[in-house]
């Protein structure tokens, strides 16, 4: 396809292609940008156009694919609102701005609830909470592993019942 043939075909289809671009983008300025990019791509690849085929379909396909690619690119860009350097700074310094107040309050509440249940349940539970394995707890308390598991389970059940009784914070 020669330059003259390409330009005459584009001029003939310009209104049709622009209305298609408006339908895709739903914005006048974006439709103009899409139209311009479509013309550039079509001109750049005019040698790939097979003579005798439908020029309108060929350029419409270029426009549709250009729109889809641009939409995907913009969709990915919307996830990042700040420069990467700011995100790296925030990620590196995340640990420096910690407030352990809530965790401390939760632990104090848990300890007060643990004092309310029997010691035969709270000791194995606390040992398990601190990272001891069932066999280590069993050896330290001189009780079978099944009993350790049972007491930990019952301690959890009793704690859930006690924590469930607390008033809800507003």
N, C-alpha and C. Protein backbone atom coordinates (compact mmCIF):
# COMPACT_ATOMS: atom_id res chain seq x y z
N UNK A 1 0.85 -1.17 0.00
CA UNK A 1 0.00 0.00 0.00
C UNK A 1 0.90 1.24 0.00
N UNK A 2 0.66 2.12 -0.91
CA UNK A 2 1.45 3.35 -1.01
C UNK A 2 0.96 4.36 0.02
N UNK A 3 1.77 5.39 0.23
CA UNK A 3 1.39 6.44 1.17
C UNK A 3 0.09 7.12 0.75
N UNK A 4 -0.03 7.38 -0.55
CA UNK A 4 -1.21 8.07 -1.06
C UNK A 4 -2.47 7.23 -0.85
N UNK A 5 -2.38 5.93 -1.12
CA UNK A 5 -3.52 5.04 -0.92
C UNK A 5 -3.90 4.98 0.56
N UNK A 6 -2.89 4.87 1.42
CA UNK A 6 -3.13 4.81 2.86
C UNK A 6 -3.85 6.07 3.34
N UNK A 7 -3.35 7.25 2.93
CA UNK A 7 -3.95 8.52 3.36
C UNK A 7 -5.38 8.67 2.86
N UNK A 8 -5.64 8.26 1.65
CA UNK A 8 -7.00 8.38 1.12
C UNK A 8 -7.96 7.44 1.85
N UNK A 9 -7.53 6.23 2.17
CA UNK A 9 -8.36 5.28 2.91
C UNK A 9 -8.62 5.80 4.33
N UNK A 10 -7.58 6.35 4.95
CA UNK A 10 -7.74 6.89 6.31
C UNK A 10 -8.69 8.07 6.32
N UNK A 11 -8.58 8.95 5.34
CA UNK A 11 -9.49 10.10 5.25
C UNK A 11 -10.94 9.64 5.08
N UNK A 12 -11.12 8.60 4.29
CA UNK A 12 -12.46 8.10 4.03
C UNK A 12 -13.09 7.52 5.29
N UNK A 13 -12.28 6.88 6.16
CA UNK A 13 -12.81 6.19 7.36
C UNK A 13 -12.64 6.99 8.65
N UNK A 14 -12.12 8.21 8.56
CA UNK A 14 -11.78 8.96 9.78
C UNK A 14 -12.98 9.16 10.70
N UNK A 15 -14.12 9.58 10.18
CA UNK A 15 -15.30 9.81 11.02
C UNK A 15 -15.79 8.52 11.67
N UNK A 16 -15.79 7.45 10.91
CA UNK A 16 -16.22 6.16 11.43
C UNK A 16 -15.29 5.68 12.55
N UNK A 17 -13.97 5.80 12.31
CA UNK A 17 -13.00 5.37 13.32
C UNK A 17 -13.07 6.24 14.58
N UNK A 18 -13.31 7.55 14.38
CA UNK A 18 -13.39 8.42 15.55
C UNK A 18 -14.63 8.10 16.39
N UNK A 19 -15.73 7.78 15.75
CA UNK A 19 -16.93 7.41 16.52
C UNK A 19 -16.69 6.09 17.27
N UNK A 20 -15.94 5.18 16.66
CA UNK A 20 -15.59 3.93 17.34
C UNK A 20 -14.69 4.23 18.54
N UNK A 21 -13.74 5.15 18.38
CA UNK A 21 -12.85 5.54 19.48
C UNK A 21 -13.65 6.19 20.61
N UNK A 22 -14.63 7.01 20.27
CA UNK A 22 -15.49 7.62 21.30
C UNK A 22 -16.28 6.57 22.07
N UNK A 23 -16.78 5.58 21.36
CA UNK A 23 -17.51 4.50 22.03
C UNK A 23 -16.61 3.72 22.98
N UNK A 24 -15.36 3.51 22.58
CA UNK A 24 -14.44 2.77 23.44
C UNK A 24 -14.05 3.57 24.68
N UNK A 25 -13.65 4.82 24.47
CA UNK A 25 -13.09 5.61 25.57
C UNK A 25 -14.13 6.38 26.37
N UNK A 26 -15.22 6.76 25.74
CA UNK A 26 -16.26 7.58 26.38
C UNK A 26 -15.73 8.93 26.85
N UNK A 27 -14.71 9.42 26.14
CA UNK A 27 -14.10 10.71 26.47
C UNK A 27 -13.53 11.29 25.18
N UNK A 28 -13.81 12.55 24.92
CA UNK A 28 -13.41 13.17 23.65
C UNK A 28 -11.88 13.22 23.50
N UNK A 29 -11.18 13.69 24.55
CA UNK A 29 -9.72 13.81 24.46
C UNK A 29 -9.04 12.44 24.34
N UNK A 30 -9.53 11.48 25.11
CA UNK A 30 -8.97 10.13 25.02
C UNK A 30 -9.23 9.52 23.64
N UNK A 31 -10.38 9.83 23.07
CA UNK A 31 -10.70 9.33 21.73
C UNK A 31 -9.76 9.93 20.69
N UNK A 32 -9.43 11.22 20.85
CA UNK A 32 -8.47 11.85 19.93
C UNK A 32 -7.10 11.19 20.05
N UNK A 33 -6.67 10.94 21.30
CA UNK A 33 -5.38 10.27 21.51
C UNK A 33 -5.38 8.87 20.89
N UNK A 34 -6.46 8.14 21.12
CA UNK A 34 -6.56 6.79 20.57
C UNK A 34 -6.56 6.83 19.04
N UNK A 35 -7.24 7.79 18.48
CA UNK A 35 -7.28 7.94 17.01
C UNK A 35 -5.88 8.21 16.47
N UNK A 36 -5.16 9.11 17.12
CA UNK A 36 -3.81 9.44 16.66
C UNK A 36 -2.88 8.24 16.77
N UNK A 37 -2.95 7.54 17.88
CA UNK A 37 -2.09 6.37 18.04
C UNK A 37 -2.44 5.28 17.04
N UNK A 38 -3.72 5.12 16.75
CA UNK A 38 -4.15 4.13 15.76
C UNK A 38 -3.61 4.48 14.38
N UNK A 39 -3.70 5.76 14.02
CA UNK A 39 -3.17 6.19 12.71
C UNK A 39 -1.67 5.93 12.62
N UNK A 40 -0.94 6.23 13.70
CA UNK A 40 0.51 6.00 13.69
C UNK A 40 0.84 4.53 13.54
N UNK A 41 0.15 3.69 14.29
CA UNK A 41 0.43 2.25 14.20
C UNK A 41 0.05 1.69 12.83
N UNK A 42 -1.08 2.13 12.33
CA UNK A 42 -1.51 1.65 11.01
C UNK A 42 -0.51 2.10 9.94
N UNK A 43 -0.06 3.34 10.02
CA UNK A 43 0.91 3.84 9.04
C UNK A 43 2.23 3.08 9.16
N UNK A 44 2.65 2.84 10.38
CA UNK A 44 3.92 2.13 10.60
C UNK A 44 3.86 0.70 10.04
N UNK A 45 2.70 0.07 10.12
CA UNK A 45 2.56 -1.32 9.68
C UNK A 45 1.74 -1.44 8.39
N UNK A 46 1.71 -0.40 7.59
CA UNK A 46 0.91 -0.42 6.36
C UNK A 46 1.41 -1.47 5.38
N UNK A 47 2.69 -1.81 5.47
CA UNK A 47 3.22 -2.83 4.57
C UNK A 47 2.67 -4.23 4.90
N UNK A 48 2.14 -4.41 6.12
CA UNK A 48 1.57 -5.70 6.52
C UNK A 48 0.11 -5.85 6.08
N UNK A 49 -0.49 -4.76 5.62
CA UNK A 49 -1.87 -4.82 5.16
C UNK A 49 -1.93 -5.59 3.83
N UNK A 50 -2.75 -6.60 3.80
CA UNK A 50 -2.91 -7.42 2.59
C UNK A 50 -3.87 -6.73 1.64
N UNK A 51 -3.40 -6.40 0.47
CA UNK A 51 -4.23 -5.73 -0.53
C UNK A 51 -5.41 -6.62 -0.90
N UNK A 52 -6.58 -6.01 -0.97
CA UNK A 52 -7.78 -6.77 -1.31
C UNK A 52 -8.58 -7.14 -0.08
N UNK A 53 -8.04 -6.95 1.13
CA UNK A 53 -8.80 -7.24 2.34
C UNK A 53 -9.46 -5.94 2.83
N UNK A 54 -10.24 -6.05 3.88
CA UNK A 54 -11.03 -4.93 4.39
C UNK A 54 -10.16 -3.99 5.23
N UNK A 55 -9.92 -2.78 4.73
CA UNK A 55 -9.09 -1.79 5.42
C UNK A 55 -9.77 -1.31 6.70
N UNK A 56 -11.08 -1.17 6.66
CA UNK A 56 -11.83 -0.71 7.82
C UNK A 56 -11.68 -1.71 8.98
N UNK A 57 -11.81 -2.99 8.71
CA UNK A 57 -11.65 -4.02 9.74
C UNK A 57 -10.23 -4.03 10.28
N UNK A 58 -9.27 -3.87 9.40
CA UNK A 58 -7.87 -3.90 9.81
C UNK A 58 -7.57 -2.74 10.77
N UNK A 59 -8.00 -1.52 10.42
CA UNK A 59 -7.73 -0.37 11.29
C UNK A 59 -8.57 -0.43 12.56
N UNK A 60 -9.78 -0.95 12.49
CA UNK A 60 -10.61 -1.10 13.70
C UNK A 60 -9.98 -2.08 14.68
N UNK A 61 -9.40 -3.14 14.16
CA UNK A 61 -8.71 -4.10 15.02
C UNK A 61 -7.50 -3.47 15.68
N UNK A 62 -6.76 -2.68 14.91
CA UNK A 62 -5.60 -1.96 15.48
C UNK A 62 -6.08 -1.04 16.61
N UNK A 63 -7.18 -0.33 16.38
CA UNK A 63 -7.70 0.59 17.40
C UNK A 63 -8.16 -0.16 18.64
N UNK A 64 -8.87 -1.23 18.44
CA UNK A 64 -9.36 -2.01 19.58
C UNK A 64 -8.21 -2.57 20.40
N UNK A 65 -7.21 -3.14 19.74
CA UNK A 65 -6.05 -3.69 20.46
C UNK A 65 -5.26 -2.60 21.16
N UNK A 66 -5.14 -1.44 20.54
CA UNK A 66 -4.44 -0.31 21.17
C UNK A 66 -5.18 0.13 22.42
N UNK A 67 -6.50 0.21 22.33
CA UNK A 67 -7.31 0.60 23.49
C UNK A 67 -7.15 -0.42 24.61
N UNK A 68 -7.22 -1.69 24.30
CA UNK A 68 -7.10 -2.74 25.32
C UNK A 68 -5.74 -2.66 25.99
N UNK A 69 -4.67 -2.51 25.21
CA UNK A 69 -3.33 -2.42 25.78
C UNK A 69 -3.18 -1.20 26.69
N UNK A 70 -3.72 -0.08 26.23
CA UNK A 70 -3.64 1.15 27.04
C UNK A 70 -4.44 0.99 28.33
N UNK A 71 -5.62 0.39 28.24
CA UNK A 71 -6.46 0.17 29.42
C UNK A 71 -5.75 -0.70 30.44
N UNK A 72 -5.12 -1.77 29.98
CA UNK A 72 -4.38 -2.65 30.90
C UNK A 72 -3.22 -1.93 31.54
N UNK A 73 -2.52 -1.13 30.76
CA UNK A 73 -1.39 -0.37 31.29
C UNK A 73 -1.85 0.62 32.36
N UNK A 74 -2.96 1.32 32.08
CA UNK A 74 -3.47 2.29 33.05
C UNK A 74 -4.01 1.60 34.30
N UNK A 75 -4.59 0.45 34.14
CA UNK A 75 -5.10 -0.30 35.27
C UNK A 75 -3.97 -0.67 36.22
N UNK A 76 -2.84 -1.10 35.67
CA UNK A 76 -1.69 -1.44 36.49
C UNK A 76 -1.08 -0.21 37.14
N UNK A 77 -1.10 0.91 36.47
CA UNK A 77 -0.52 2.13 37.02
C UNK A 77 -1.35 2.71 38.16
N UNK A 78 -2.64 2.45 38.18
CA UNK A 78 -3.50 2.98 39.23
C UNK A 78 -3.16 2.40 40.59
N UNK A 79 -2.51 1.25 40.64
CA UNK A 79 -2.18 0.62 41.91
C UNK A 79 -1.07 1.38 42.63
N UNK A 80 -0.23 2.08 41.90
CA UNK A 80 0.90 2.78 42.50
C UNK A 80 0.62 4.27 42.42
N UNK A 81 0.42 4.88 43.59
CA UNK A 81 0.12 6.30 43.64
C UNK A 81 1.32 7.13 44.07
N UNK A 82 2.32 6.50 44.66
CA UNK A 82 3.48 7.21 45.15
C UNK A 82 4.73 6.68 44.45
N UNK A 83 5.79 7.47 44.45
CA UNK A 83 7.05 6.98 43.87
C UNK A 83 7.57 5.76 44.64
N UNK A 84 8.30 4.92 43.95
CA UNK A 84 8.82 3.70 44.54
C UNK A 84 9.75 4.01 45.71
N UNK A 85 10.50 5.11 45.62
CA UNK A 85 11.43 5.46 46.68
C UNK A 85 10.70 5.66 48.00
N UNK A 86 9.52 6.30 47.96
CA UNK A 86 8.74 6.52 49.18
C UNK A 86 8.28 5.20 49.76
N UNK A 87 7.89 4.26 48.90
CA UNK A 87 7.43 2.96 49.39
C UNK A 87 8.57 2.19 50.03
N UNK A 88 9.76 2.25 49.41
CA UNK A 88 10.90 1.55 49.99
C UNK A 88 11.25 2.13 51.35
N UNK A 89 11.20 3.46 51.47
CA UNK A 89 11.50 4.11 52.73
C UNK A 89 10.51 3.66 53.80
N UNK A 90 9.24 3.61 53.44
CA UNK A 90 8.21 3.20 54.39
C UNK A 90 8.40 1.73 54.79
N UNK A 91 8.75 0.89 53.83
CA UNK A 91 8.94 -0.53 54.13
C UNK A 91 10.16 -0.75 55.02
N UNK A 92 11.24 0.00 54.78
CA UNK A 92 12.45 -0.15 55.58
C UNK A 92 12.25 0.35 57.00
N UNK A 93 11.47 1.39 57.17
CA UNK A 93 11.30 2.00 58.48
C UNK A 93 10.01 1.58 59.16
N UNK A 94 9.39 0.55 58.68
CA UNK A 94 8.13 0.09 59.26
C UNK A 94 8.30 -0.30 60.72
N UNK A 95 9.39 -0.97 61.08
CA UNK A 95 9.59 -1.45 62.44
C UNK A 95 9.93 -0.34 63.42
N UNK A 96 10.36 0.81 62.95
CA UNK A 96 10.78 1.86 63.87
C UNK A 96 9.60 2.60 64.50
N UNK A 97 8.42 2.49 63.93
CA UNK A 97 7.28 3.20 64.45
C UNK A 97 6.25 2.18 64.93
N UNK A 98 6.59 1.43 65.95
CA UNK A 98 5.66 0.44 66.45
C UNK A 98 5.12 0.90 67.80
N UNK A 99 3.89 0.52 68.04
CA UNK A 99 3.24 0.85 69.29
C UNK A 99 2.77 -0.46 69.89
N UNK A 100 3.38 -0.88 70.97
CA UNK A 100 3.05 -2.15 71.59
C UNK A 100 1.98 -2.04 72.65
N UNK A 101 1.33 -0.89 72.74
CA UNK A 101 0.33 -0.67 73.77
C UNK A 101 -0.84 -1.63 73.70
N UNK A 102 -1.36 -1.83 72.51
CA UNK A 102 -2.51 -2.71 72.37
C UNK A 102 -2.14 -4.15 72.69
N UNK A 103 -0.97 -4.58 72.21
CA UNK A 103 -0.53 -5.95 72.49
C UNK A 103 -0.30 -6.14 73.99
N UNK A 104 0.24 -5.11 74.66
CA UNK A 104 0.47 -5.18 76.10
C UNK A 104 -0.85 -5.27 76.86
N UNK A 105 -1.83 -4.48 76.42
CA UNK A 105 -3.14 -4.53 77.06
C UNK A 105 -3.80 -5.89 76.85
N UNK A 106 -3.66 -6.44 75.64
CA UNK A 106 -4.24 -7.75 75.37
C UNK A 106 -3.57 -8.83 76.21
N UNK A 107 -2.25 -8.74 76.38
CA UNK A 107 -1.54 -9.72 77.18
C UNK A 107 -1.92 -9.60 78.65
N UNK A 108 -2.08 -8.37 79.14
CA UNK A 108 -2.50 -8.19 80.53
C UNK A 108 -3.90 -8.75 80.75
N UNK A 109 -4.78 -8.55 79.79
CA UNK A 109 -6.12 -9.10 79.88
C UNK A 109 -6.08 -10.62 79.86
N UNK A 110 -5.25 -11.18 78.98
CA UNK A 110 -5.12 -12.63 78.89
C UNK A 110 -4.59 -13.21 80.20
N UNK A 111 -3.60 -12.54 80.80
CA UNK A 111 -3.05 -13.03 82.07
C UNK A 111 -4.08 -12.97 83.19
N UNK A 112 -4.89 -11.93 83.20
CA UNK A 112 -5.93 -11.86 84.23
C UNK A 112 -6.96 -12.98 84.03
N UNK A 113 -7.29 -13.29 82.79
CA UNK A 113 -8.22 -14.39 82.50
C UNK A 113 -7.59 -15.74 82.87
N UNK A 114 -6.28 -15.87 82.62
CA UNK A 114 -5.59 -17.11 82.96
C UNK A 114 -5.59 -17.35 84.46
N UNK A 115 -5.52 -16.27 85.26
CA UNK A 115 -5.56 -16.42 86.72
C UNK A 115 -6.92 -16.91 87.19
N UNK A 116 -7.95 -16.71 86.39
CA UNK A 116 -9.30 -17.12 86.76
C UNK A 116 -9.54 -18.60 86.52
N UNK A 117 -8.76 -19.22 85.63
CA UNK A 117 -8.94 -20.66 85.41
C UNK A 117 -7.95 -21.42 86.28
N UNK A 118 -8.20 -22.69 86.47
CA UNK A 118 -7.39 -23.53 87.34
C UNK A 118 -5.96 -23.64 86.81
N UNK A 119 -5.01 -23.74 87.74
CA UNK A 119 -3.59 -23.80 87.38
C UNK A 119 -3.24 -25.04 86.57
N UNK A 120 -3.98 -26.14 86.75
CA UNK A 120 -3.65 -27.35 85.98
C UNK A 120 -3.90 -27.14 84.48
N UNK A 121 -4.74 -26.14 84.14
CA UNK A 121 -5.00 -25.82 82.74
C UNK A 121 -4.10 -24.68 82.25
N UNK A 122 -3.87 -23.71 83.11
CA UNK A 122 -3.14 -22.52 82.67
C UNK A 122 -1.65 -22.79 82.46
N UNK A 123 -1.04 -23.66 83.28
CA UNK A 123 0.40 -23.92 83.14
C UNK A 123 0.72 -24.59 81.80
N UNK A 124 0.05 -25.69 81.43
CA UNK A 124 0.35 -26.28 80.12
C UNK A 124 0.05 -25.32 78.97
N UNK A 125 -1.05 -24.54 79.12
CA UNK A 125 -1.39 -23.59 78.07
C UNK A 125 -0.29 -22.55 77.89
N UNK A 126 0.19 -21.97 78.97
CA UNK A 126 1.25 -20.96 78.89
C UNK A 126 2.54 -21.54 78.33
N UNK A 127 2.87 -22.77 78.72
CA UNK A 127 4.08 -23.40 78.19
C UNK A 127 3.95 -23.60 76.67
N UNK A 128 2.77 -24.03 76.24
CA UNK A 128 2.54 -24.23 74.81
C UNK A 128 2.59 -22.89 74.08
N UNK A 129 2.01 -21.86 74.69
CA UNK A 129 2.01 -20.51 74.12
C UNK A 129 3.44 -19.98 73.97
N UNK A 130 4.31 -20.33 74.89
CA UNK A 130 5.71 -19.86 74.85
C UNK A 130 6.58 -20.69 73.92
N UNK A 131 6.01 -21.73 73.30
CA UNK A 131 6.75 -22.44 72.28
C UNK A 131 7.20 -23.84 72.65
N UNK A 132 6.86 -24.31 73.82
CA UNK A 132 7.23 -25.67 74.19
C UNK A 132 6.39 -26.66 73.40
N UNK A 133 6.99 -27.79 73.09
CA UNK A 133 6.26 -28.86 72.40
C UNK A 133 5.52 -29.70 73.42
N UNK A 134 4.55 -30.49 72.93
CA UNK A 134 3.76 -31.33 73.82
C UNK A 134 4.66 -32.27 74.64
N UNK A 135 5.64 -32.86 73.99
CA UNK A 135 6.51 -33.81 74.69
C UNK A 135 7.32 -33.12 75.78
N UNK A 136 7.76 -31.89 75.54
CA UNK A 136 8.52 -31.15 76.56
C UNK A 136 7.62 -30.80 77.75
N UNK A 137 6.40 -30.39 77.47
CA UNK A 137 5.45 -30.06 78.55
C UNK A 137 5.14 -31.32 79.35
N UNK A 138 4.95 -32.43 78.62
CA UNK A 138 4.66 -33.70 79.27
C UNK A 138 5.79 -34.12 80.20
N UNK A 139 7.02 -34.00 79.74
CA UNK A 139 8.18 -34.36 80.58
C UNK A 139 8.34 -33.44 81.77
N UNK A 140 8.13 -32.15 81.59
CA UNK A 140 8.31 -31.19 82.67
C UNK A 140 7.23 -31.36 83.75
N UNK A 141 5.97 -31.61 83.34
CA UNK A 141 4.88 -31.73 84.30
C UNK A 141 4.63 -33.17 84.75
N UNK A 142 5.34 -34.10 84.16
CA UNK A 142 5.21 -35.52 84.52
C UNK A 142 3.79 -36.04 84.29
N UNK A 143 3.19 -35.71 83.14
CA UNK A 143 1.87 -36.19 82.78
C UNK A 143 1.92 -36.68 81.33
N UNK A 144 1.00 -37.56 80.94
CA UNK A 144 1.00 -38.07 79.57
C UNK A 144 0.71 -36.97 78.54
N UNK A 145 1.18 -37.18 77.30
CA UNK A 145 0.99 -36.19 76.23
C UNK A 145 -0.51 -35.96 75.97
N UNK A 146 -1.31 -37.00 76.02
CA UNK A 146 -2.75 -36.86 75.81
C UNK A 146 -3.38 -35.92 76.82
N UNK A 147 -2.91 -36.01 78.05
CA UNK A 147 -3.43 -35.14 79.11
C UNK A 147 -3.01 -33.69 78.86
N UNK A 148 -1.77 -33.49 78.36
CA UNK A 148 -1.30 -32.15 78.02
C UNK A 148 -2.19 -31.55 76.95
N UNK A 149 -2.45 -32.31 75.90
CA UNK A 149 -3.30 -31.83 74.81
C UNK A 149 -4.70 -31.50 75.31
N UNK A 150 -5.22 -32.37 76.15
CA UNK A 150 -6.56 -32.17 76.69
C UNK A 150 -6.62 -30.91 77.54
N UNK A 151 -5.63 -30.70 78.39
CA UNK A 151 -5.62 -29.52 79.26
C UNK A 151 -5.46 -28.22 78.46
N UNK A 152 -4.64 -28.27 77.42
CA UNK A 152 -4.49 -27.08 76.56
C UNK A 152 -5.80 -26.77 75.85
N UNK A 153 -6.45 -27.81 75.36
CA UNK A 153 -7.74 -27.63 74.70
C UNK A 153 -8.77 -27.04 75.66
N UNK A 154 -8.84 -27.60 76.88
CA UNK A 154 -9.80 -27.11 77.86
C UNK A 154 -9.47 -25.69 78.30
N UNK A 155 -8.17 -25.36 78.39
CA UNK A 155 -7.77 -23.99 78.74
C UNK A 155 -8.24 -23.02 77.66
N UNK A 156 -8.08 -23.39 76.41
CA UNK A 156 -8.56 -22.53 75.32
C UNK A 156 -10.07 -22.34 75.40
N UNK A 157 -10.76 -23.44 75.66
CA UNK A 157 -12.21 -23.38 75.73
C UNK A 157 -12.66 -22.47 76.88
N UNK A 158 -12.03 -22.59 78.03
CA UNK A 158 -12.38 -21.76 79.18
C UNK A 158 -12.03 -20.29 78.92
N UNK A 159 -10.88 -20.05 78.27
CA UNK A 159 -10.50 -18.67 77.95
C UNK A 159 -11.49 -18.04 76.97
N UNK A 160 -11.91 -18.81 75.98
CA UNK A 160 -12.90 -18.29 75.03
C UNK A 160 -14.19 -17.92 75.75
N UNK A 161 -14.60 -18.75 76.70
CA UNK A 161 -15.82 -18.46 77.45
C UNK A 161 -15.64 -17.20 78.29
N UNK A 162 -14.50 -17.02 78.91
CA UNK A 162 -14.26 -15.84 79.74
C UNK A 162 -14.13 -14.57 78.90
N UNK A 163 -13.44 -14.68 77.77
CA UNK A 163 -13.26 -13.52 76.91
C UNK A 163 -14.58 -13.14 76.25
N UNK A 164 -15.41 -14.12 75.98
CA UNK A 164 -16.71 -13.85 75.40
C UNK A 164 -17.64 -13.09 76.33
N UNK A 165 -17.39 -13.13 77.64
CA UNK A 165 -18.23 -12.45 78.62
C UNK A 165 -17.90 -10.97 78.75
N UNK A 166 -16.76 -10.53 78.25
CA UNK A 166 -16.34 -9.13 78.42
C UNK A 166 -17.25 -8.20 77.63
N UNK A 167 -17.43 -6.97 78.10
CA UNK A 167 -18.24 -6.01 77.34
C UNK A 167 -17.52 -5.59 76.07
N UNK A 168 -18.29 -5.33 75.02
CA UNK A 168 -17.72 -4.93 73.74
C UNK A 168 -17.28 -3.48 73.80
N UNK A 169 -16.09 -3.19 73.28
CA UNK A 169 -15.58 -1.81 73.22
C UNK A 169 -16.26 -1.08 72.08
N UNK A 170 -16.59 0.17 72.29
CA UNK A 170 -17.27 0.96 71.25
C UNK A 170 -16.31 1.93 70.61
